[in-house]
């Protein structure tokens, strides 16, 4: 028979797990991001995009939250991303202008 303290802990863990994105939800987010990148027309062989695609694959498979900035040399842009597994926060990716990267 669990103690009161253990019951509270289990309730918090249950609530925490309910707020996590499952694989299908992460896949939906990742596909939306990849579609937007394709619409822009950046070459997929760019080292920055290759690195970003690997990060998206890891996020999709394991669901670990991650954020960062990846420079896209030659385009004057950088990818700024926030990949979170919490349903209450949005997954965000943007191309930010950086004139130092030309």
PDB file of N, CA and C in Angstrom:
ATOM      1  N   UNK A   1       0.838  -1.178   0.000  1.00  0.00           N
ATOM      2  CA  UNK A   1       0.000   0.000   0.000  1.00  0.00           C
ATOM      3  C   UNK A   1       0.882   1.239   0.000  1.00  0.00           C
ATOM      4  N   UNK A   2       0.760   2.077  -1.049  1.00  0.00           N
ATOM      5  CA  UNK A   2       1.612   3.270  -1.118  1.00  0.00           C
ATOM      6  C   UNK A   2       1.232   4.315  -0.066  1.00  0.00           C
ATOM      7  N   UNK A   3       2.232   5.036   0.357  1.00  0.00           N
ATOM      8  CA  UNK A   3       2.015   6.110   1.326  1.00  0.00           C
ATOM      9  C   UNK A   3       1.432   7.332   0.625  1.00  0.00           C
ATOM     10  N   UNK A   4       1.014   8.311   1.402  1.00  0.00           N
ATOM     11  CA  UNK A   4       0.458   9.545   0.839  1.00  0.00           C
ATOM     12  C   UNK A   4       1.477  10.270  -0.026  1.00  0.00           C
ATOM     13  N   UNK A   5       2.708  10.300   0.456  1.00  0.00           N
ATOM     14  CA  UNK A   5       3.771  10.972  -0.290  1.00  0.00           C
ATOM     15  C   UNK A   5       3.986  10.288  -1.644  1.00  0.00           C
ATOM     16  N   UNK A   6       3.973   8.970  -1.641  1.00  0.00           N
ATOM     17  CA  UNK A   6       4.159   8.221  -2.880  1.00  0.00           C
ATOM     18  C   UNK A   6       2.983   8.447  -3.832  1.00  0.00           C
ATOM     19  N   UNK A   7       1.768   8.515  -3.302  1.00  0.00           N
ATOM     20  CA  UNK A   7       0.581   8.764  -4.126  1.00  0.00           C
ATOM     21  C   UNK A   7       0.672  10.124  -4.815  1.00  0.00           C
ATOM     22  N   UNK A   8       1.105  11.139  -4.066  1.00  0.00           N
ATOM     23  CA  UNK A   8       1.259  12.477  -4.654  1.00  0.00           C
ATOM     24  C   UNK A   8       2.301  12.462  -5.763  1.00  0.00           C
ATOM     25  N   UNK A   9       3.386  11.761  -5.497  1.00  0.00           N
ATOM     26  CA  UNK A   9       4.455  11.662  -6.503  1.00  0.00           C
ATOM     27  C   UNK A   9       3.931  10.985  -7.769  1.00  0.00           C
ATOM     28  N   UNK A  10       3.212   9.901  -7.623  1.00  0.00           N
ATOM     29  CA  UNK A  10       2.665   9.186  -8.779  1.00  0.00           C
ATOM     30  C   UNK A  10       1.653  10.043  -9.536  1.00  0.00           C
ATOM     31  N   UNK A  11       0.871  10.827  -8.824  1.00  0.00           N
ATOM     32  CA  UNK A  11      -0.081  11.730  -9.481  1.00  0.00           C
ATOM     33  C   UNK A  11       0.644  12.786 -10.307  1.00  0.00           C
ATOM     34  N   UNK A  12       1.725  13.348  -9.739  1.00  0.00           N
ATOM     35  CA  UNK A  12       2.517  14.349 -10.479  1.00  0.00           C
ATOM     36  C   UNK A  12       3.144  13.726 -11.718  1.00  0.00           C
ATOM     37  N   UNK A  13       3.660  12.507 -11.599  1.00  0.00           N
ATOM     38  CA  UNK A  13       4.264  11.830 -12.746  1.00  0.00           C
ATOM     39  C   UNK A  13       3.229  11.553 -13.829  1.00  0.00           C
ATOM     40  N   UNK A  14       2.044  11.145 -13.419  1.00  0.00           N
ATOM     41  CA  UNK A  14       0.973  10.880 -14.376  1.00  0.00           C
ATOM     42  C   UNK A  14       0.600  12.155 -15.131  1.00  0.00           C
ATOM     43  N   UNK A  15       0.476  13.257 -14.388  1.00  0.00           N
ATOM     44  CA  UNK A  15       0.136  14.546 -14.993  1.00  0.00           C
ATOM     45  C   UNK A  15       1.232  14.986 -15.970  1.00  0.00           C
ATOM     46  N   UNK A  16       2.476  14.778 -15.571  1.00  0.00           N
ATOM     47  CA  UNK A  16       3.608  15.141 -16.415  1.00  0.00           C
ATOM     48  C   UNK A  16       3.592  14.339 -17.719  1.00  0.00           C
ATOM     49  N   UNK A  17       3.304  13.056 -17.638  1.00  0.00           N
ATOM     50  CA  UNK A  17       3.278  12.208 -18.831  1.00  0.00           C
ATOM     51  C   UNK A  17       2.107  12.562 -19.754  1.00  0.00           C
ATOM     52  N   UNK A  18       1.013  13.048 -19.194  1.00  0.00           N
ATOM     53  CA  UNK A  18      -0.125  13.457 -20.016  1.00  0.00           C
ATOM     54  C   UNK A  18       0.202  14.706 -20.829  1.00  0.00           C
ATOM     55  N   UNK A  19       1.134  15.531 -20.350  1.00  0.00           N
ATOM     56  CA  UNK A  19       1.515  16.755 -21.048  1.00  0.00           C
ATOM     57  C   UNK A  19       2.601  16.540 -22.094  1.00  0.00           C
ATOM     58  N   UNK A  20       3.119  15.328 -22.227  1.00  0.00           N
ATOM     59  CA  UNK A  20       4.170  15.052 -23.210  1.00  0.00           C
ATOM     60  C   UNK A  20       3.563  14.726 -24.565  1.00  0.00           C
ATOM     61  N   UNK A  21       4.219  15.177 -25.615  1.00  0.00           N
ATOM     62  CA  UNK A  21       3.789  14.834 -26.968  1.00  0.00           C
ATOM     63  C   UNK A  21       4.160  13.375 -27.253  1.00  0.00           C
ATOM     64  N   UNK A  22       3.244  12.671 -27.882  1.00  0.00           N
ATOM     65  CA  UNK A  22       3.573  11.306 -28.284  1.00  0.00           C
ATOM     66  C   UNK A  22       4.228  11.337 -29.667  1.00  0.00           C
ATOM     67  N   UNK A  23       4.629  10.198 -30.151  1.00  0.00           N
ATOM     68  CA  UNK A  23       5.382  10.143 -31.409  1.00  0.00           C
ATOM     69  C   UNK A  23       4.565  10.670 -32.587  1.00  0.00           C
ATOM     70  N   UNK A  24       3.280  10.383 -32.618  1.00  0.00           N
ATOM     71  CA  UNK A  24       2.439  10.858 -33.721  1.00  0.00           C
ATOM     72  C   UNK A  24       2.368  12.383 -33.742  1.00  0.00           C
ATOM     73  N   UNK A  25       2.244  12.982 -32.574  1.00  0.00           N
ATOM     74  CA  UNK A  25       2.191  14.446 -32.501  1.00  0.00           C
ATOM     75  C   UNK A  25       3.524  15.065 -32.904  1.00  0.00           C
ATOM     76  N   UNK A  26       4.622  14.457 -32.476  1.00  0.00           N
ATOM     77  CA  UNK A  26       5.945  14.954 -32.867  1.00  0.00           C
ATOM     78  C   UNK A  26       6.140  14.804 -34.370  1.00  0.00           C
ATOM     79  N   UNK A  27       5.674  13.690 -34.926  1.00  0.00           N
ATOM     80  CA  UNK A  27       5.804  13.458 -36.363  1.00  0.00           C
ATOM     81  C   UNK A  27       5.029  14.500 -37.159  1.00  0.00           C
ATOM     82  N   UNK A  28       3.857  14.857 -36.683  1.00  0.00           N
ATOM     83  CA  UNK A  28       3.035  15.883 -37.329  1.00  0.00           C
ATOM     84  C   UNK A  28       3.770  17.223 -37.346  1.00  0.00           C
ATOM     85  N   UNK A  29       4.372  17.600 -36.207  1.00  0.00           N
ATOM     86  CA  UNK A  29       5.128  18.855 -36.111  1.00  0.00           C
ATOM     87  C   UNK A  29       6.343  18.848 -37.035  1.00  0.00           C
ATOM     88  N   UNK A  30       7.087  17.744 -37.029  1.00  0.00           N
ATOM     89  CA  UNK A  30       8.300  17.644 -37.851  1.00  0.00           C
ATOM     90  C   UNK A  30       7.944  17.709 -39.335  1.00  0.00           C
ATOM     91  N   UNK A  31       6.876  17.033 -39.747  1.00  0.00           N
ATOM     92  CA  UNK A  31       6.464  17.071 -41.153  1.00  0.00           C
ATOM     93  C   UNK A  31       6.059  18.480 -41.578  1.00  0.00           C
ATOM     94  N   UNK A  32       5.401  19.197 -40.682  1.00  0.00           N
ATOM     95  CA  UNK A  32       5.003  20.577 -40.977  1.00  0.00           C
ATOM     96  C   UNK A  32       6.250  21.454 -41.177  1.00  0.00           C
ATOM     97  N   UNK A  33       7.256  21.269 -40.330  1.00  0.00           N
ATOM     98  CA  UNK A  33       8.503  22.034 -40.442  1.00  0.00           C
ATOM     99  C   UNK A  33       9.212  21.711 -41.752  1.00  0.00           C
ATOM    100  N   UNK A  34       9.309  20.433 -42.064  1.00  0.00           N
ATOM    101  CA  UNK A  34       9.995  20.028 -43.310  1.00  0.00           C
ATOM    102  C   UNK A  34       9.267  20.525 -44.544  1.00  0.00           C
ATOM    103  N   UNK A  35       7.944  20.545 -44.527  1.00  0.00           N
ATOM    104  CA  UNK A  35       7.178  21.068 -45.662  1.00  0.00           C
ATOM    105  C   UNK A  35       7.461  22.557 -45.872  1.00  0.00           C
ATOM    106  N   UNK A  36       7.536  23.314 -44.781  1.00  0.00           N
ATOM    107  CA  UNK A  36       7.826  24.748 -44.890  1.00  0.00           C
ATOM    108  C   UNK A  36       9.233  24.990 -45.450  1.00  0.00           C
ATOM    109  N   UNK A  37      10.194  24.181 -45.045  1.00  0.00           N
ATOM    110  CA  UNK A  37      11.558  24.325 -45.561  1.00  0.00           C
ATOM    111  C   UNK A  37      11.591  24.019 -47.054  1.00  0.00           C
ATOM    112  N   UNK A  38      10.822  23.011 -47.478  1.00  0.00           N
ATOM    113  CA  UNK A  38      10.758  22.674 -48.907  1.00  0.00           C
ATOM    114  C   UNK A  38      10.138  23.817 -49.708  1.00  0.00           C
ATOM    115  N   UNK A  39       9.115  24.482 -49.136  1.00  0.00           N
ATOM    116  CA  UNK A  39       8.460  25.600 -49.821  1.00  0.00           C
ATOM    117  C   UNK A  39       9.432  26.750 -50.057  1.00  0.00           C
ATOM    118  N   UNK A  40      10.339  26.952 -49.108  1.00  0.00           N
ATOM    119  CA  UNK A  40      11.307  28.039 -49.242  1.00  0.00           C
ATOM    120  C   UNK A  40      12.278  27.748 -50.379  1.00  0.00           C
ATOM    121  N   UNK A  41      12.617  26.483 -50.562  1.00  0.00           N
ATOM    122  CA  UNK A  41      13.470  26.095 -51.671  1.00  0.00           C
ATOM    123  C   UNK A  41      14.952  26.048 -51.358  1.00  0.00           C
ATOM    124  N   UNK A  42      15.319  25.899 -50.103  1.00  0.00           N
ATOM    125  CA  UNK A  42      16.735  25.763 -49.754  1.00  0.00           C
ATOM    126  C   UNK A  42      17.232  24.386 -50.164  1.00  0.00           C
ATOM    127  N   UNK A  43      18.465  24.298 -50.689  1.00  0.00           N
ATOM    128  CA  UNK A  43      19.001  22.990 -51.081  1.00  0.00           C
ATOM    129  C   UNK A  43      19.153  22.070 -49.866  1.00  0.00           C
ATOM    130  N   UNK A  44      18.743  20.828 -50.032  1.00  0.00           N
ATOM    131  CA  UNK A  44      18.769  19.898 -48.903  1.00  0.00           C
ATOM    132  C   UNK A  44      20.178  19.441 -48.546  1.00  0.00           C
ATOM    133  N   UNK A  45      21.137  19.643 -49.424  1.00  0.00           N
ATOM    134  CA  UNK A  45      22.511  19.222 -49.157  1.00  0.00           C
ATOM    135  C   UNK A  45      23.323  20.237 -48.366  1.00  0.00           C
ATOM    136  N   UNK A  46      22.745  21.367 -48.038  1.00  0.00           N
ATOM    137  CA  UNK A  46      23.439  22.387 -47.255  1.00  0.00           C
ATOM    138  C   UNK A  46      23.813  21.805 -45.890  1.00  0.00           C
ATOM    139  N   UNK A  47      25.074  21.984 -45.454  1.00  0.00           N
ATOM    140  CA  UNK A  47      25.500  21.392 -44.169  1.00  0.00           C
ATOM    141  C   UNK A  47      24.608  21.764 -42.985  1.00  0.00           C
ATOM    142  N   UNK A  48      24.136  23.000 -42.930  1.00  0.00           N
ATOM    143  CA  UNK A  48      23.264  23.413 -41.841  1.00  0.00           C
ATOM    144  C   UNK A  48      21.930  22.679 -41.864  1.00  0.00           C
ATOM    145  N   UNK A  49      21.375  22.482 -43.064  1.00  0.00           N
ATOM    146  CA  UNK A  49      20.105  21.763 -43.171  1.00  0.00           C
ATOM    147  C   UNK A  49      20.271  20.275 -42.877  1.00  0.00           C
ATOM    148  N   UNK A  50      21.408  19.711 -43.268  1.00  0.00           N
ATOM    149  CA  UNK A  50      21.676  18.302 -42.956  1.00  0.00           C
ATOM    150  C   UNK A  50      21.718  18.120 -41.440  1.00  0.00           C
ATOM    151  N   UNK A  51      22.403  19.034 -40.757  1.00  0.00           N
ATOM    152  CA  UNK A  51      22.484  18.979 -39.292  1.00  0.00           C
ATOM    153  C   UNK A  51      21.101  19.157 -38.668  1.00  0.00           C
ATOM    154  N   UNK A  52      20.324  20.097 -39.193  1.00  0.00           N
ATOM    155  CA  UNK A  52      18.989  20.343 -38.656  1.00  0.00           C
ATOM    156  C   UNK A  52      18.073  19.142 -38.874  1.00  0.00           C
ATOM    157  N   UNK A  53      18.173  18.496 -40.028  1.00  0.00           N
ATOM    158  CA  UNK A  53      17.359  17.304 -40.285  1.00  0.00           C
ATOM    159  C   UNK A  53      17.718  16.172 -39.329  1.00  0.00           C
ATOM    160  N   UNK A  54      18.991  16.055 -38.981  1.00  0.00           N
ATOM    161  CA  UNK A  54      19.409  15.034 -38.018  1.00  0.00           C
ATOM    162  C   UNK A  54      18.807  15.348 -36.641  1.00  0.00           C
ATOM    163  N   UNK A  55      18.787  16.629 -36.266  1.00  0.00           N
ATOM    164  CA  UNK A  55      18.191  17.035 -34.995  1.00  0.00           C
ATOM    165  C   UNK A  55      16.688  16.729 -35.000  1.00  0.00           C
ATOM    166  N   UNK A  56      16.017  16.993 -36.134  1.00  0.00           N
ATOM    167  CA  UNK A  56      14.584  16.689 -36.237  1.00  0.00           C
ATOM    168  C   UNK A  56      14.333  15.187 -36.119  1.00  0.00           C
ATOM    169  N   UNK A  57      15.201  14.381 -36.740  1.00  0.00           N
ATOM    170  CA  UNK A  57      15.051  12.922 -36.650  1.00  0.00           C
ATOM    171  C   UNK A  57      15.207  12.444 -35.207  1.00  0.00           C
ATOM    172  N   UNK A  58      16.199  12.993 -34.496  1.00  0.00           N
ATOM    173  CA  UNK A  58      16.401  12.623 -33.093  1.00  0.00           C
ATOM    174  C   UNK A  58      15.205  13.045 -32.241  1.00  0.00           C
ATOM    175  N   UNK A  59      14.687  14.240 -32.492  1.00  0.00           N
ATOM    176  CA  UNK A  59      13.512  14.720 -31.753  1.00  0.00           C
ATOM    177  C   UNK A  59      12.313  13.818 -32.019  1.00  0.00           C
ATOM    178  N   UNK A  60      12.131  13.446 -33.266  1.00  0.00           N
ATOM    179  CA  UNK A  60      11.009  12.591 -33.636  1.00  0.00           C
ATOM    180  C   UNK A  60      11.119  11.225 -32.964  1.00  0.00           C
ATOM    181  N   UNK A  61      12.308  10.655 -32.971  1.00  0.00           N
ATOM    182  CA  UNK A  61      12.504   9.311 -32.428  1.00  0.00           C
ATOM    183  C   UNK A  61      12.456   9.274 -30.900  1.00  0.00           C
ATOM    184  N   UNK A  62      13.159  10.189 -30.249  1.00  0.00           N
ATOM    185  CA  UNK A  62      13.324  10.113 -28.801  1.00  0.00           C
ATOM    186  C   UNK A  62      12.472  11.116 -28.018  1.00  0.00           C
ATOM    187  N   UNK A  63      12.103  12.240 -28.623  1.00  0.00           N
ATOM    188  CA  UNK A  63      11.242  13.210 -27.961  1.00  0.00           C
ATOM    189  C   UNK A  63      11.933  14.113 -26.960  1.00  0.00           C
ATOM    190  N   UNK A  64      13.269  14.219 -27.029  1.00  0.00           N
ATOM    191  CA  UNK A  64      13.984  15.089 -26.103  1.00  0.00           C
ATOM    192  C   UNK A  64      13.833  16.538 -26.543  1.00  0.00           C
ATOM    193  N   UNK A  65      13.603  17.416 -25.591  1.00  0.00           N
ATOM    194  CA  UNK A  65      13.507  18.845 -25.895  1.00  0.00           C
ATOM    195  C   UNK A  65      14.876  19.391 -26.232  1.00  0.00           C
ATOM    196  N   UNK A  66      14.904  20.296 -27.198  1.00  0.00           N
ATOM    197  CA  UNK A  66      16.178  20.878 -27.618  1.00  0.00           C
ATOM    198  C   UNK A  66      15.909  22.242 -28.255  1.00  0.00           C
ATOM    199  N   UNK A  67      16.866  23.139 -28.134  1.00  0.00           N
ATOM    200  CA  UNK A  67      16.779  24.430 -28.810  1.00  0.00           C
ATOM    201  C   UNK A  67      18.180  24.858 -29.202  1.00  0.00           C
ATOM    202  N   UNK A  68      18.252  25.759 -30.192  1.00  0.00           N
ATOM    203  CA  UNK A  68      19.554  26.224 -30.626  1.00  0.00           C
ATOM    204  C   UNK A  68      19.480  27.053 -31.892  1.00  0.00           C
ATOM    205  N   UNK A  69      20.678  27.356 -32.410  1.00  0.00           N
ATOM    206  CA  UNK A  69      20.815  28.167 -33.622  1.00  0.00           C
ATOM    207  C   UNK A  69      21.808  27.455 -34.535  1.00  0.00           C
ATOM    208  N   UNK A  70      21.420  27.282 -35.807  1.00  0.00           N
ATOM    209  CA  UNK A  70      22.297  26.659 -36.795  1.00  0.00           C
ATOM    210  C   UNK A  70      22.503  27.658 -37.928  1.00  0.00           C
ATOM    211  N   UNK A  71      23.754  28.068 -38.180  1.00  0.00           N
ATOM    212  CA  UNK A  71      24.011  29.013 -39.279  1.00  0.00           C
ATOM    213  C   UNK A  71      23.915  28.330 -40.638  1.00  0.00           C
ATOM    214  N   UNK A  72      23.358  29.050 -41.607  1.00  0.00           N
ATOM    215  CA  UNK A  72      23.310  28.588 -42.993  1.00  0.00           C
ATOM    216  C   UNK A  72      24.280  29.457 -43.791  1.00  0.00           C
ATOM    217  N   UNK A  73      25.504  28.991 -43.888  1.00  0.00           N
ATOM    218  CA  UNK A  73      26.557  29.748 -44.580  1.00  0.00           C
ATOM    219  C   UNK A  73      26.174  29.977 -46.046  1.00  0.00           C
ATOM    220  N   UNK A  74      26.416  31.172 -46.532  1.00  0.00           N
ATOM    221  CA  UNK A  74      26.155  31.505 -47.926  1.00  0.00           C
ATOM    222  C   UNK A  74      24.745  32.012 -48.186  1.00  0.00           C
ATOM    223  N   UNK A  75      23.858  31.879 -47.246  1.00  0.00           N
ATOM    224  CA  UNK A  75      22.483  32.334 -47.429  1.00  0.00           C
ATOM    225  C   UNK A  75      22.163  33.563 -46.590  1.00  0.00           C
ATOM    226  N   UNK A  76      23.051  33.913 -45.661  1.00  0.00           N
ATOM    227  CA  UNK A  76      22.803  35.056 -44.789  1.00  0.00           C
ATOM    228  C   UNK A  76      21.672  34.806 -43.803  1.00  0.00           C
ATOM    229  N   UNK A  77      21.452  33.568 -43.467  1.00  0.00           N
ATOM    230  CA  UNK A  77      20.369  33.190 -42.560  1.00  0.00           C
ATOM    231  C   UNK A  77      20.880  32.189 -41.530  1.00  0.00           C
ATOM    232  N   UNK A  78      20.106  32.044 -40.468  1.00  0.00           N
ATOM    233  CA  UNK A  78      20.365  30.997 -39.496  1.00  0.00           C
ATOM    234  C   UNK A  78      19.030  30.420 -39.038  1.00  0.00           C
ATOM    235  N   UNK A  79      19.046  29.134 -38.737  1.00  0.00           N
ATOM    236  CA  UNK A  79      17.842  28.460 -38.259  1.00  0.00           C
ATOM    237  C   UNK A  79      17.823  28.573 -36.734  1.00  0.00           C
ATOM    238  N   UNK A  80      16.774  29.162 -36.208  1.00  0.00           N
ATOM    239  CA  UNK A  80      16.586  29.262 -34.759  1.00  0.00           C
ATOM    240  C   UNK A  80      15.410  28.335 -34.431  1.00  0.00           C
ATOM    241  N   UNK A  81      15.653  27.368 -33.541  1.00  0.00           N
ATOM    242  CA  UNK A  81      14.622  26.361 -33.293  1.00  0.00           C
ATOM    243  C   UNK A  81      14.430  26.102 -31.797  1.00  0.00           C
ATOM    244  N   UNK A  82      13.191  25.740 -31.469  1.00  0.00           N
ATOM    245  CA  UNK A  82      12.819  25.283 -30.129  1.00  0.00           C
ATOM    246  C   UNK A  82      11.937  24.056 -30.342  1.00  0.00           C
ATOM    247  N   UNK A  83      12.459  22.909 -29.977  1.00  0.00           N
ATOM    248  CA  UNK A  83      11.719  21.652 -30.083  1.00  0.00           C
ATOM    249  C   UNK A  83      11.426  21.179 -28.663  1.00  0.00           C
ATOM    250  N   UNK A  84      10.180  21.187 -28.294  1.00  0.00           N
ATOM    251  CA  UNK A  84       9.804  20.813 -26.937  1.00  0.00           C
ATOM    252  C   UNK A  84       8.824  19.647 -26.956  1.00  0.00           C
ATOM    253  N   UNK A  85       8.885  18.822 -25.935  1.00  0.00           N
ATOM    254  CA  UNK A  85       7.973  17.687 -25.845  1.00  0.00           C
ATOM    255  C   UNK A  85       6.758  18.009 -24.988  1.00  0.00           C
ATOM    256  N   UNK A  86       6.706  19.203 -24.428  1.00  0.00           N
ATOM    257  CA  UNK A  86       5.594  19.623 -23.586  1.00  0.00           C
ATOM    258  C   UNK A  86       4.475  20.162 -24.481  1.00  0.00           C
ATOM    259  N   UNK A  87       3.265  19.636 -24.312  1.00  0.00           N
ATOM    260  CA  UNK A  87       2.128  20.059 -25.125  1.00  0.00           C
ATOM    261  C   UNK A  87       1.733  21.504 -24.868  1.00  0.00           C
ATOM    262  N   UNK A  88       2.050  22.028 -23.695  1.00  0.00           N
ATOM    263  CA  UNK A  88       1.653  23.384 -23.354  1.00  0.00           C
ATOM    264  C   UNK A  88       2.537  24.440 -24.007  1.00  0.00           C
ATOM    265  N   UNK A  89       3.642  24.025 -24.595  1.00  0.00           N
ATOM    266  CA  UNK A  89       4.547  24.958 -25.282  1.00  0.00           C
ATOM    267  C   UNK A  89       4.588  24.609 -26.753  1.00  0.00           C
ATOM    268  N   UNK A  90       4.768  25.633 -27.565  1.00  0.00           N
ATOM    269  CA  UNK A  90       4.789  25.429 -29.013  1.00  0.00           C
ATOM    270  C   UNK A  90       6.168  25.041 -29.505  1.00  0.00           C
ATOM    271  N   UNK A  91       6.180  24.231 -30.547  1.00  0.00           N
ATOM    272  CA  UNK A  91       7.408  23.938 -31.260  1.00  0.00           C
ATOM    273  C   UNK A  91       7.599  25.094 -32.232  1.00  0.00           C
ATOM    274  N   UNK A  92       8.793  25.682 -32.237  1.00  0.00           N
ATOM    275  CA  UNK A  92       9.023  26.834 -33.088  1.00  0.00           C
ATOM    276  C   UNK A  92      10.322  26.746 -33.863  1.00  0.00           C
ATOM    277  N   UNK A  93      10.253  27.124 -35.142  1.00  0.00           N
ATOM    278  CA  UNK A  93      11.431  27.176 -36.007  1.00  0.00           C
ATOM    279  C   UNK A  93      11.286  28.417 -36.869  1.00  0.00           C
ATOM    280  N   UNK A  94      12.405  29.163 -36.988  1.00  0.00           N
ATOM    281  CA  UNK A  94      12.354  30.333 -37.876  1.00  0.00           C
ATOM    282  C   UNK A  94      13.715  30.520 -38.548  1.00  0.00           C
ATOM    283  N   UNK A  95      13.682  31.157 -39.702  1.00  0.00           N
ATOM    284  CA  UNK A  95      14.900  31.572 -40.393  1.00  0.00           C
ATOM    285  C   UNK A  95      15.139  33.027 -40.037  1.00  0.00           C
ATOM    286  N   UNK A  96      16.266  33.290 -39.423  1.00  0.00           N
ATOM    287  CA  UNK A  96      16.591  34.632 -38.981  1.00  0.00           C
ATOM    288  C   UNK A  96      17.699  35.192 -39.872  1.00  0.00           C
ATOM    289  N   UNK A  97      17.556  36.448 -40.263  1.00  0.00           N
ATOM    290  CA  UNK A  97      18.565  37.096 -41.094  1.00  0.00           C
ATOM    291  C   UNK A  97      19.805  37.408 -40.263  1.00  0.00           C
ATOM    292  N   UNK A  98      20.964  37.065 -40.812  1.00  0.00           N
ATOM    293  CA  UNK A  98      22.251  37.377 -40.171  1.00  0.00           C
ATOM    294  C   UNK A  98      23.227  37.782 -41.271  1.00  0.00           C
ATOM    295  N   UNK A  99      23.460  39.098 -41.457  1.00  0.00           N
ATOM    296  CA  UNK A  99      24.312  39.556 -42.561  1.00  0.00           C
ATOM    297  C   UNK A  99      25.762  39.097 -42.444  1.00  0.00           C
ATOM    298  N   UNK A 100      26.204  38.642 -41.289  1.00  0.00           N
ATOM    299  CA  UNK A 100      27.585  38.176 -41.113  1.00  0.00           C
ATOM    300  C   UNK A 100      27.841  36.819 -41.752  1.00  0.00           C
ATOM    301  N   UNK A 101      26.812  36.119 -42.205  1.00  0.00           N
ATOM    302  CA  UNK A 101      26.961  34.778 -42.756  1.00  0.00           C
ATOM    303  C   UNK A 101      27.099  34.745 -44.275  1.00  0.00           C
ATOM    304  N   UNK A 102      27.151  35.871 -44.949  1.00  0.00           N
ATOM    305  CA  UNK A 102      27.229  35.887 -46.422  1.00  0.00           C
ATOM    306  C   UNK A 102      28.553  35.525 -46.940  1.00  0.00           C
TER     307      UNK A 102
END
